[in-house]
């Protein structure tokens, strides 16, 4: 099993007006009545992948004065208590639900984009050879935190895990998430007969779930080949810039003027409302502005002769504040000091940064 076919199907169902379902191992994507799409099981065709263990989820110990049960994996992980078990299982659901495609509305648009973008970048960081190991680790932590935050997970889960040197771990117990997830799936494979009344899928499908979860976690930990967008979905110049932004970074380090020329050419011929324009702009935010916020002045200068387009792109960059707000805070910069930027922004957007 490989992750790329799932990713390509995901992009097809998210971006195409007429997506085509293709069976992948034990799974297949279908449109849902609410306008979204889910990864269903082929055999157990009324069940979606992220919810296969819905009836196995333990009671929340926060609602009990006394708990007379033990964590399902207490024999394997003595250091994990009932409260820890909750956050591990919330994380499992969060990782698996990256396969879900939600109907986009004004309320979830920014969150949905950040979750998808962060997941993709976690697979790509190792491609950026010109970025130091220290900075890669900082970016990896930024993307991992943003991935969880934008799901969104609850407070306990958000701060229960971290990522170090490419491994996601539980901070309190120091247990590797990969070990826990593998043991969790193995437990229900080994005890399938005992729990089959609560498991709505076949044992072979449980095994396939384990493989897919492992691939998704490998992607988050940067242990798989970086995911790339299929060419048929995007204009050639735009996809080249997104899929090979590490090459553009090398150009930036050697010749900034040439970098901005290439960036401009990639954006000029693209459909402005294409979601992939946002991916390219966010790459600029996370791999250029992350290291020097003042580069935004060069961006404005680059598009100075296309003022209307410049305003559109600046608003795209700043309307989603999750990354750029962190950058302003980290560099102790204030948006109000960038007059060439704020002249393009409306009051609603500027107000998002009023406390930075």
Protein backbone atom coordinates (compact mmCIF):
# COMPACT_ATOMS: atom_id res chain seq x y z
CA UNK A 1 0.00 0.00 0.00
CA UNK A 2 1.20 3.51 -0.88
CA UNK A 3 -0.18 6.89 0.16
CA UNK A 4 0.09 8.65 -3.23
CA UNK A 5 -3.01 6.98 -4.81
CA UNK A 6 -5.13 8.01 -1.81
CA UNK A 7 -3.79 11.57 -2.05
CA UNK A 8 -4.53 11.77 -5.78
CA UNK A 9 -8.09 10.54 -5.20
CA UNK A 10 -8.46 13.04 -2.37
CA UNK A 11 -7.38 15.91 -4.66
CA UNK A 12 -9.69 14.68 -7.42
CA UNK A 13 -12.72 14.63 -5.10
CA UNK A 14 -11.79 17.93 -3.49
CA UNK A 15 -11.09 19.89 -6.66
CA UNK A 16 -12.80 18.22 -9.61
CA UNK A 17 -16.42 18.80 -10.58
CA UNK A 18 -16.66 15.21 -11.84
CA UNK A 19 -14.41 13.02 -9.66
CA UNK A 20 -14.02 9.35 -10.56
CA UNK A 21 -14.05 6.72 -7.78
CA UNK A 22 -11.21 4.23 -7.95
CA UNK A 23 -10.79 1.29 -5.59
CA UNK A 24 -7.55 1.40 -3.58
CA UNK A 25 -6.81 -1.72 -1.55
CA UNK A 26 -9.93 -2.12 0.68
CA UNK A 27 -11.09 1.48 0.21
CA UNK A 28 -12.92 3.74 -2.22
CA UNK A 29 -13.90 7.44 -2.18
CA UNK A 30 -17.54 8.46 -2.62
CA UNK A 31 -19.39 11.76 -2.51
CA UNK A 32 -21.67 12.32 0.49
CA UNK A 33 -25.10 13.95 0.62
CA UNK A 34 -23.71 16.94 2.56
CA UNK A 35 -21.43 17.84 -0.36
CA UNK A 36 -18.26 16.40 1.12
CA UNK A 37 -16.63 13.04 0.43
CA UNK A 38 -15.39 10.14 2.55
CA UNK A 39 -13.12 7.15 2.22
CA UNK A 40 -15.47 4.17 2.49
CA UNK A 41 -14.69 0.48 2.81
CA UNK A 42 -15.45 -1.57 -0.30
CA UNK A 43 -16.89 -4.57 1.55
CA UNK A 44 -18.32 -2.84 4.64
CA UNK A 45 -19.72 -0.14 2.40
CA UNK A 46 -21.67 1.87 4.97
CA UNK A 47 -18.62 2.60 7.14
CA UNK A 48 -16.04 5.37 6.64
CA UNK A 49 -12.38 4.91 7.51
CA UNK A 50 -12.01 7.49 10.34
CA UNK A 51 -15.01 6.03 12.19
CA UNK A 52 -14.21 2.31 12.03
CA UNK A 53 -13.53 2.24 15.81
CA UNK A 54 -16.38 4.55 16.84
CA UNK A 55 -18.03 1.91 19.05
CA UNK A 56 -14.70 0.96 20.61
CA UNK A 57 -14.06 4.41 22.02
CA UNK A 58 -13.88 4.13 25.84
CA UNK A 59 -15.95 6.16 28.27
CA UNK A 60 -14.52 9.57 29.11
CA UNK A 61 -13.06 9.32 32.64
CA UNK A 62 -13.61 13.05 33.15
CA UNK A 63 -17.31 12.32 33.68
CA UNK A 64 -16.76 9.81 36.49
CA UNK A 65 -15.75 10.29 40.11
CA UNK A 66 -14.32 6.77 40.15
CA UNK A 67 -13.27 4.68 37.16
CA UNK A 68 -13.46 0.91 37.53
CA UNK A 69 -11.83 0.04 34.22
CA UNK A 70 -8.33 0.11 32.78
CA UNK A 71 -6.94 1.40 29.48
CA UNK A 72 -7.32 -1.11 26.68
CA UNK A 73 -3.52 -1.37 26.29
CA UNK A 74 -2.57 -1.26 29.98
CA UNK A 75 -0.54 -4.50 29.65
CA UNK A 76 1.59 -2.91 26.92
CA UNK A 77 1.83 0.69 28.17
CA UNK A 78 1.70 0.88 31.95
CA UNK A 79 2.63 4.57 31.87
CA UNK A 80 -0.54 5.50 29.95
CA UNK A 81 -3.60 6.13 32.14
CA UNK A 82 -7.27 6.52 31.18
CA UNK A 83 -6.88 10.24 30.49
CA UNK A 84 -3.83 9.64 28.30
CA UNK A 85 -5.75 6.97 26.42
CA UNK A 86 -8.35 9.56 25.48
CA UNK A 87 -5.85 11.88 23.83
CA UNK A 88 -4.15 9.01 21.97
CA UNK A 89 -7.49 8.00 20.49
CA UNK A 90 -8.40 11.61 19.65
CA UNK A 91 -5.08 11.83 17.84
CA UNK A 92 -5.79 8.58 15.97
CA UNK A 93 -9.11 10.00 14.79
CA UNK A 94 -7.44 13.28 13.81
CA UNK A 95 -4.79 11.51 11.74
CA UNK A 96 -7.30 9.22 10.04
CA UNK A 97 -9.76 12.04 9.33
CA UNK A 98 -7.26 13.81 7.06
CA UNK A 99 -8.83 11.50 4.45
CA UNK A 100 -12.24 13.18 4.94
CA UNK A 101 -13.32 15.97 2.61
CA UNK A 102 -15.65 18.47 4.25
CA UNK A 103 -18.12 20.73 2.53
CA UNK A 104 -16.39 24.12 2.62
CA UNK A 105 -18.12 27.14 4.08
CA UNK A 106 -17.01 30.52 5.43
CA UNK A 107 -16.62 29.15 8.95
CA UNK A 108 -14.32 26.23 8.17
CA UNK A 109 -12.51 27.44 5.04
CA UNK A 110 -9.35 28.73 6.74
CA UNK A 111 -9.13 25.78 9.12
CA UNK A 112 -9.60 23.23 6.34
CA UNK A 113 -6.87 24.84 4.26
CA UNK A 114 -4.36 24.97 7.13
CA UNK A 115 -4.94 21.33 8.07
CA UNK A 116 -4.40 20.18 4.48
CA UNK A 117 -1.46 22.50 3.93
CA UNK A 118 0.26 21.45 7.17
CA UNK A 119 -0.18 17.76 6.38
CA UNK A 120 1.36 18.25 2.95
CA UNK A 121 4.30 20.31 4.23
CA UNK A 122 5.13 17.76 6.93
CA UNK A 123 5.85 15.33 4.10
CA UNK A 124 7.97 17.87 2.18
CA UNK A 125 10.28 19.48 4.75
CA UNK A 126 13.09 17.01 4.19
CA UNK A 127 13.21 18.06 0.51
CA UNK A 128 14.49 21.52 1.46
CA UNK A 129 18.23 20.83 1.52
CA UNK A 130 19.16 24.50 1.93
CA UNK A 131 17.22 24.77 5.22
CA UNK A 132 19.22 23.84 8.32
CA UNK A 133 18.23 20.88 10.51
CA UNK A 134 17.41 23.29 13.34
CA UNK A 135 15.07 25.34 11.16
CA UNK A 136 13.48 22.19 9.73
CA UNK A 137 12.66 21.05 13.26
CA UNK A 138 11.13 24.45 14.03
CA UNK A 139 9.02 24.31 10.88
CA UNK A 140 8.03 20.71 11.58
CA UNK A 141 6.78 21.72 15.03
CA UNK A 142 4.92 24.67 13.53
CA UNK A 143 3.16 22.48 10.96
CA UNK A 144 2.39 19.70 13.44
CA UNK A 145 0.85 22.12 15.93
CA UNK A 146 -1.12 23.83 13.14
CA UNK A 147 -2.32 20.45 11.84
CA UNK A 148 -3.78 19.60 15.25
CA UNK A 149 -5.05 23.12 15.96
CA UNK A 150 -6.93 23.38 12.68
CA UNK A 151 -8.62 19.96 12.97
CA UNK A 152 -9.55 21.21 15.61
CA UNK A 153 -8.60 18.96 18.53
CA UNK A 154 -9.40 19.72 22.16
CA UNK A 155 -6.94 21.54 24.40
CA UNK A 156 -5.65 18.36 26.09
CA UNK A 157 -4.82 16.68 22.78
CA UNK A 158 -3.27 19.82 21.28
CA UNK A 159 -0.66 20.02 24.03
CA UNK A 160 -0.26 16.29 24.76
CA UNK A 161 2.00 15.53 21.78
CA UNK A 162 5.11 16.88 20.15
CA UNK A 163 7.40 15.94 17.29
CA UNK A 164 11.17 15.59 17.62
CA UNK A 165 13.63 14.46 14.95
CA UNK A 166 10.76 13.11 12.90
CA UNK A 167 8.98 11.14 15.65
CA UNK A 168 5.63 12.08 17.18
CA UNK A 169 5.52 11.24 20.89
CA UNK A 170 3.32 11.67 23.95
CA UNK A 171 5.02 14.31 26.10
CA UNK A 172 3.94 13.01 29.51
CA UNK A 173 4.71 9.30 29.01
CA UNK A 174 7.37 9.64 26.25
CA UNK A 175 5.58 6.87 24.34
CA UNK A 176 6.05 6.98 20.57
CA UNK A 177 2.71 7.42 18.80
CA UNK A 178 3.71 4.90 16.13
CA UNK A 179 4.18 2.21 18.81
CA UNK A 180 0.83 2.99 20.40
CA UNK A 181 -1.11 3.03 17.12
CA UNK A 182 0.45 -0.26 15.96
CA UNK A 183 -0.32 -1.92 19.30
CA UNK A 184 -3.88 -0.59 19.22
CA UNK A 185 -4.59 -2.12 15.83
CA UNK A 186 -2.79 -5.35 16.74
CA UNK A 187 -4.93 -5.69 19.86
CA UNK A 188 -8.18 -5.63 17.90
CA UNK A 189 -6.85 -7.96 15.23
CA UNK A 190 -5.82 -10.46 17.91
CA UNK A 191 -9.11 -10.04 19.82
CA UNK A 192 -11.35 -9.58 16.81
CA UNK A 193 -13.79 -12.34 17.78
CA UNK A 194 -14.20 -10.87 21.24
CA UNK A 195 -15.00 -7.37 19.94
CA UNK A 196 -16.56 -8.08 16.55
CA UNK A 197 -20.01 -6.89 17.71
CA UNK A 198 -18.46 -3.43 18.09
CA UNK A 199 -16.30 -3.56 14.95
CA UNK A 200 -18.39 -2.89 11.81
CA UNK A 201 -15.64 -3.97 9.39
CA UNK A 202 -13.87 -7.24 8.57
CA UNK A 203 -10.60 -8.29 10.14
CA UNK A 204 -8.85 -7.79 6.78
CA UNK A 205 -10.19 -4.25 6.68
CA UNK A 206 -8.84 -3.61 10.19
CA UNK A 207 -5.42 -4.74 8.95
CA UNK A 208 -5.73 -2.35 5.99
CA UNK A 209 -6.69 0.44 8.40
CA UNK A 210 -3.47 -0.18 10.31
CA UNK A 211 -1.46 0.10 7.09
CA UNK A 212 -3.17 3.32 6.03
CA UNK A 213 -2.83 4.93 9.48
CA UNK A 214 0.85 4.00 9.44
CA UNK A 215 1.27 5.68 6.04
CA UNK A 216 -0.50 8.83 7.25
CA UNK A 217 1.69 8.99 10.36
CA UNK A 218 4.82 8.34 8.28
CA UNK A 219 3.83 11.34 6.17
CA UNK A 220 3.43 13.53 9.27
CA UNK A 221 6.80 12.37 10.57
CA UNK A 222 8.48 13.00 7.20
CA UNK A 223 9.41 9.35 6.70
CA UNK A 224 7.81 8.89 3.29
CA UNK A 225 8.37 10.38 -0.13
CA UNK A 226 6.98 13.91 -0.19
CA UNK A 227 3.46 14.10 -1.60
CA UNK A 228 3.08 16.01 -4.85
CA UNK A 229 0.02 17.30 -6.63
CA UNK A 230 -0.98 15.41 -9.81
CA UNK A 231 -0.26 17.52 -12.87
CA UNK A 232 -3.68 17.14 -14.47
CA UNK A 233 -5.29 19.29 -11.78
CA UNK A 234 -3.24 22.47 -12.12
CA UNK A 235 -1.62 24.72 -14.72
CA UNK A 236 1.92 23.52 -15.48
CA UNK A 237 3.70 26.62 -14.14
CA UNK A 238 1.76 26.60 -10.90
CA UNK A 239 2.20 22.90 -10.18
CA UNK A 240 5.90 23.11 -10.98
CA UNK A 241 6.32 25.93 -8.47
CA UNK A 242 4.34 24.13 -5.74
CA UNK A 243 5.79 20.66 -6.19
CA UNK A 244 9.35 21.92 -6.49
CA UNK A 245 9.39 24.91 -4.16
CA UNK A 246 12.66 23.58 -2.73
CA UNK A 247 14.21 24.43 -6.12
CA UNK A 248 12.79 27.96 -5.89
CA UNK A 249 14.31 28.32 -2.42
CA UNK A 250 17.71 27.54 -3.92
CA UNK A 251 17.10 30.24 -6.53
CA UNK A 252 16.08 32.66 -3.77
CA UNK A 253 19.31 32.03 -1.88
CA UNK A 254 21.40 32.74 -5.00
CA UNK A 255 19.42 35.42 -6.84
CA UNK A 256 16.38 37.07 -5.23
CA UNK A 257 15.46 39.01 -8.33
CA UNK A 258 15.27 35.81 -10.38
CA UNK A 259 13.27 34.13 -7.60
CA UNK A 260 10.60 36.84 -7.66
CA UNK A 261 10.51 36.73 -11.44
CA UNK A 262 9.80 32.98 -11.34
CA UNK A 263 7.22 33.41 -8.58
CA UNK A 264 5.49 36.14 -10.56
CA UNK A 265 5.40 34.06 -13.75
CA UNK A 266 3.84 31.16 -11.85
CA UNK A 267 1.06 33.37 -10.49
CA UNK A 268 0.33 35.62 -13.49
CA UNK A 269 -1.17 32.92 -15.68
CA UNK A 270 -3.13 31.14 -12.97
CA UNK A 271 -6.82 31.18 -12.14
CA UNK A 272 -6.95 33.46 -9.09
CA UNK A 273 -9.66 31.44 -7.36
CA UNK A 274 -7.71 28.20 -7.75
CA UNK A 275 -7.00 26.81 -4.28
CA UNK A 276 -3.49 25.93 -5.44
CA UNK A 277 -2.66 29.64 -5.74
CA UNK A 278 -3.13 29.70 -1.96
CA UNK A 279 -0.75 26.76 -1.58
CA UNK A 280 1.96 28.62 -3.48
CA UNK A 281 1.40 31.85 -1.53
CA UNK A 282 1.51 29.94 1.75
CA UNK A 283 4.81 28.38 0.65
CA UNK A 284 6.10 31.92 0.27
CA UNK A 285 4.87 32.73 3.79
CA UNK A 286 6.33 29.63 5.45
CA UNK A 287 9.65 29.37 3.62
CA UNK A 288 10.48 33.02 2.88
CA UNK A 289 8.63 35.33 5.29
CA UNK A 290 9.17 32.84 8.11
CA UNK A 291 12.85 33.76 8.01
CA UNK A 292 12.48 37.44 7.09
CA UNK A 293 9.13 39.22 7.29
CA UNK A 294 10.60 42.28 5.57
CA UNK A 295 10.69 40.29 2.32
CA UNK A 296 7.01 41.17 1.95
CA UNK A 297 8.19 44.56 0.65
CA UNK A 298 10.01 42.81 -2.19
CA UNK A 299 6.84 40.84 -2.94
CA UNK A 300 4.86 44.09 -3.27
CA UNK A 301 7.59 45.58 -5.44
CA UNK A 302 7.53 42.49 -7.67
CA UNK A 303 3.83 43.02 -8.45
CA UNK A 304 3.88 46.84 -8.33
CA UNK A 305 2.97 47.15 -12.03
CA UNK A 306 -0.04 44.85 -11.53
CA UNK A 307 -1.58 46.78 -8.64
CA UNK A 308 -4.99 45.10 -8.73
CA UNK A 309 -3.40 41.63 -8.78
CA UNK A 310 -0.99 42.68 -6.05
CA UNK A 311 -3.89 43.68 -3.82
CA UNK A 312 -5.62 40.38 -4.46
CA UNK A 313 -2.50 38.35 -3.59
CA UNK A 314 -1.71 40.39 -0.47
CA UNK A 315 -5.25 39.83 0.79
CA UNK A 316 -4.88 36.10 0.09
CA UNK A 317 -1.66 36.03 2.12
CA UNK A 318 -3.00 37.91 5.12
CA UNK A 319 -6.62 36.76 5.25
CA UNK A 320 -5.55 33.41 6.72
CA UNK A 321 -3.60 34.54 9.81
CA UNK A 322 -2.60 31.22 11.40
CA UNK A 323 0.97 31.12 10.08
CA UNK A 324 1.77 34.75 9.39
CA UNK A 325 0.54 35.90 12.80
CA UNK A 326 3.03 33.53 14.45
CA UNK A 327 5.76 34.94 12.19
CA UNK A 328 5.01 38.54 13.15
CA UNK A 329 5.09 37.64 16.85
CA UNK A 330 8.29 35.61 16.55
CA UNK A 331 10.09 38.42 14.69
CA UNK A 332 8.60 41.11 16.97
CA UNK A 333 7.11 42.87 13.96
CA UNK A 334 3.88 44.83 13.72
CA UNK A 335 1.72 44.72 10.62
CA UNK A 336 1.06 48.46 10.89
CA UNK A 337 4.71 49.12 10.05
CA UNK A 338 4.22 47.70 6.54
CA UNK A 339 2.40 50.58 4.85
CA UNK A 340 2.80 49.07 1.38
CA UNK A 341 0.84 46.05 2.64
CA UNK A 342 -1.84 47.58 4.83
CA UNK A 343 -3.00 49.91 2.06
CA UNK A 344 -4.42 46.81 0.34
CA UNK A 345 -6.12 45.29 3.39
CA UNK A 346 -9.65 45.90 4.65
CA UNK A 347 -10.42 46.68 8.29
CA UNK A 348 -11.61 43.13 9.02
CA UNK A 349 -8.29 41.65 7.95
CA UNK A 350 -6.22 44.29 9.77
CA UNK A 351 -8.21 43.66 12.97
CA UNK A 352 -7.01 40.03 12.99
CA UNK A 353 -3.51 41.35 13.68
CA UNK A 354 -4.38 44.07 16.16
CA UNK A 355 -2.78 42.19 19.08
CA UNK A 356 0.49 41.24 17.35
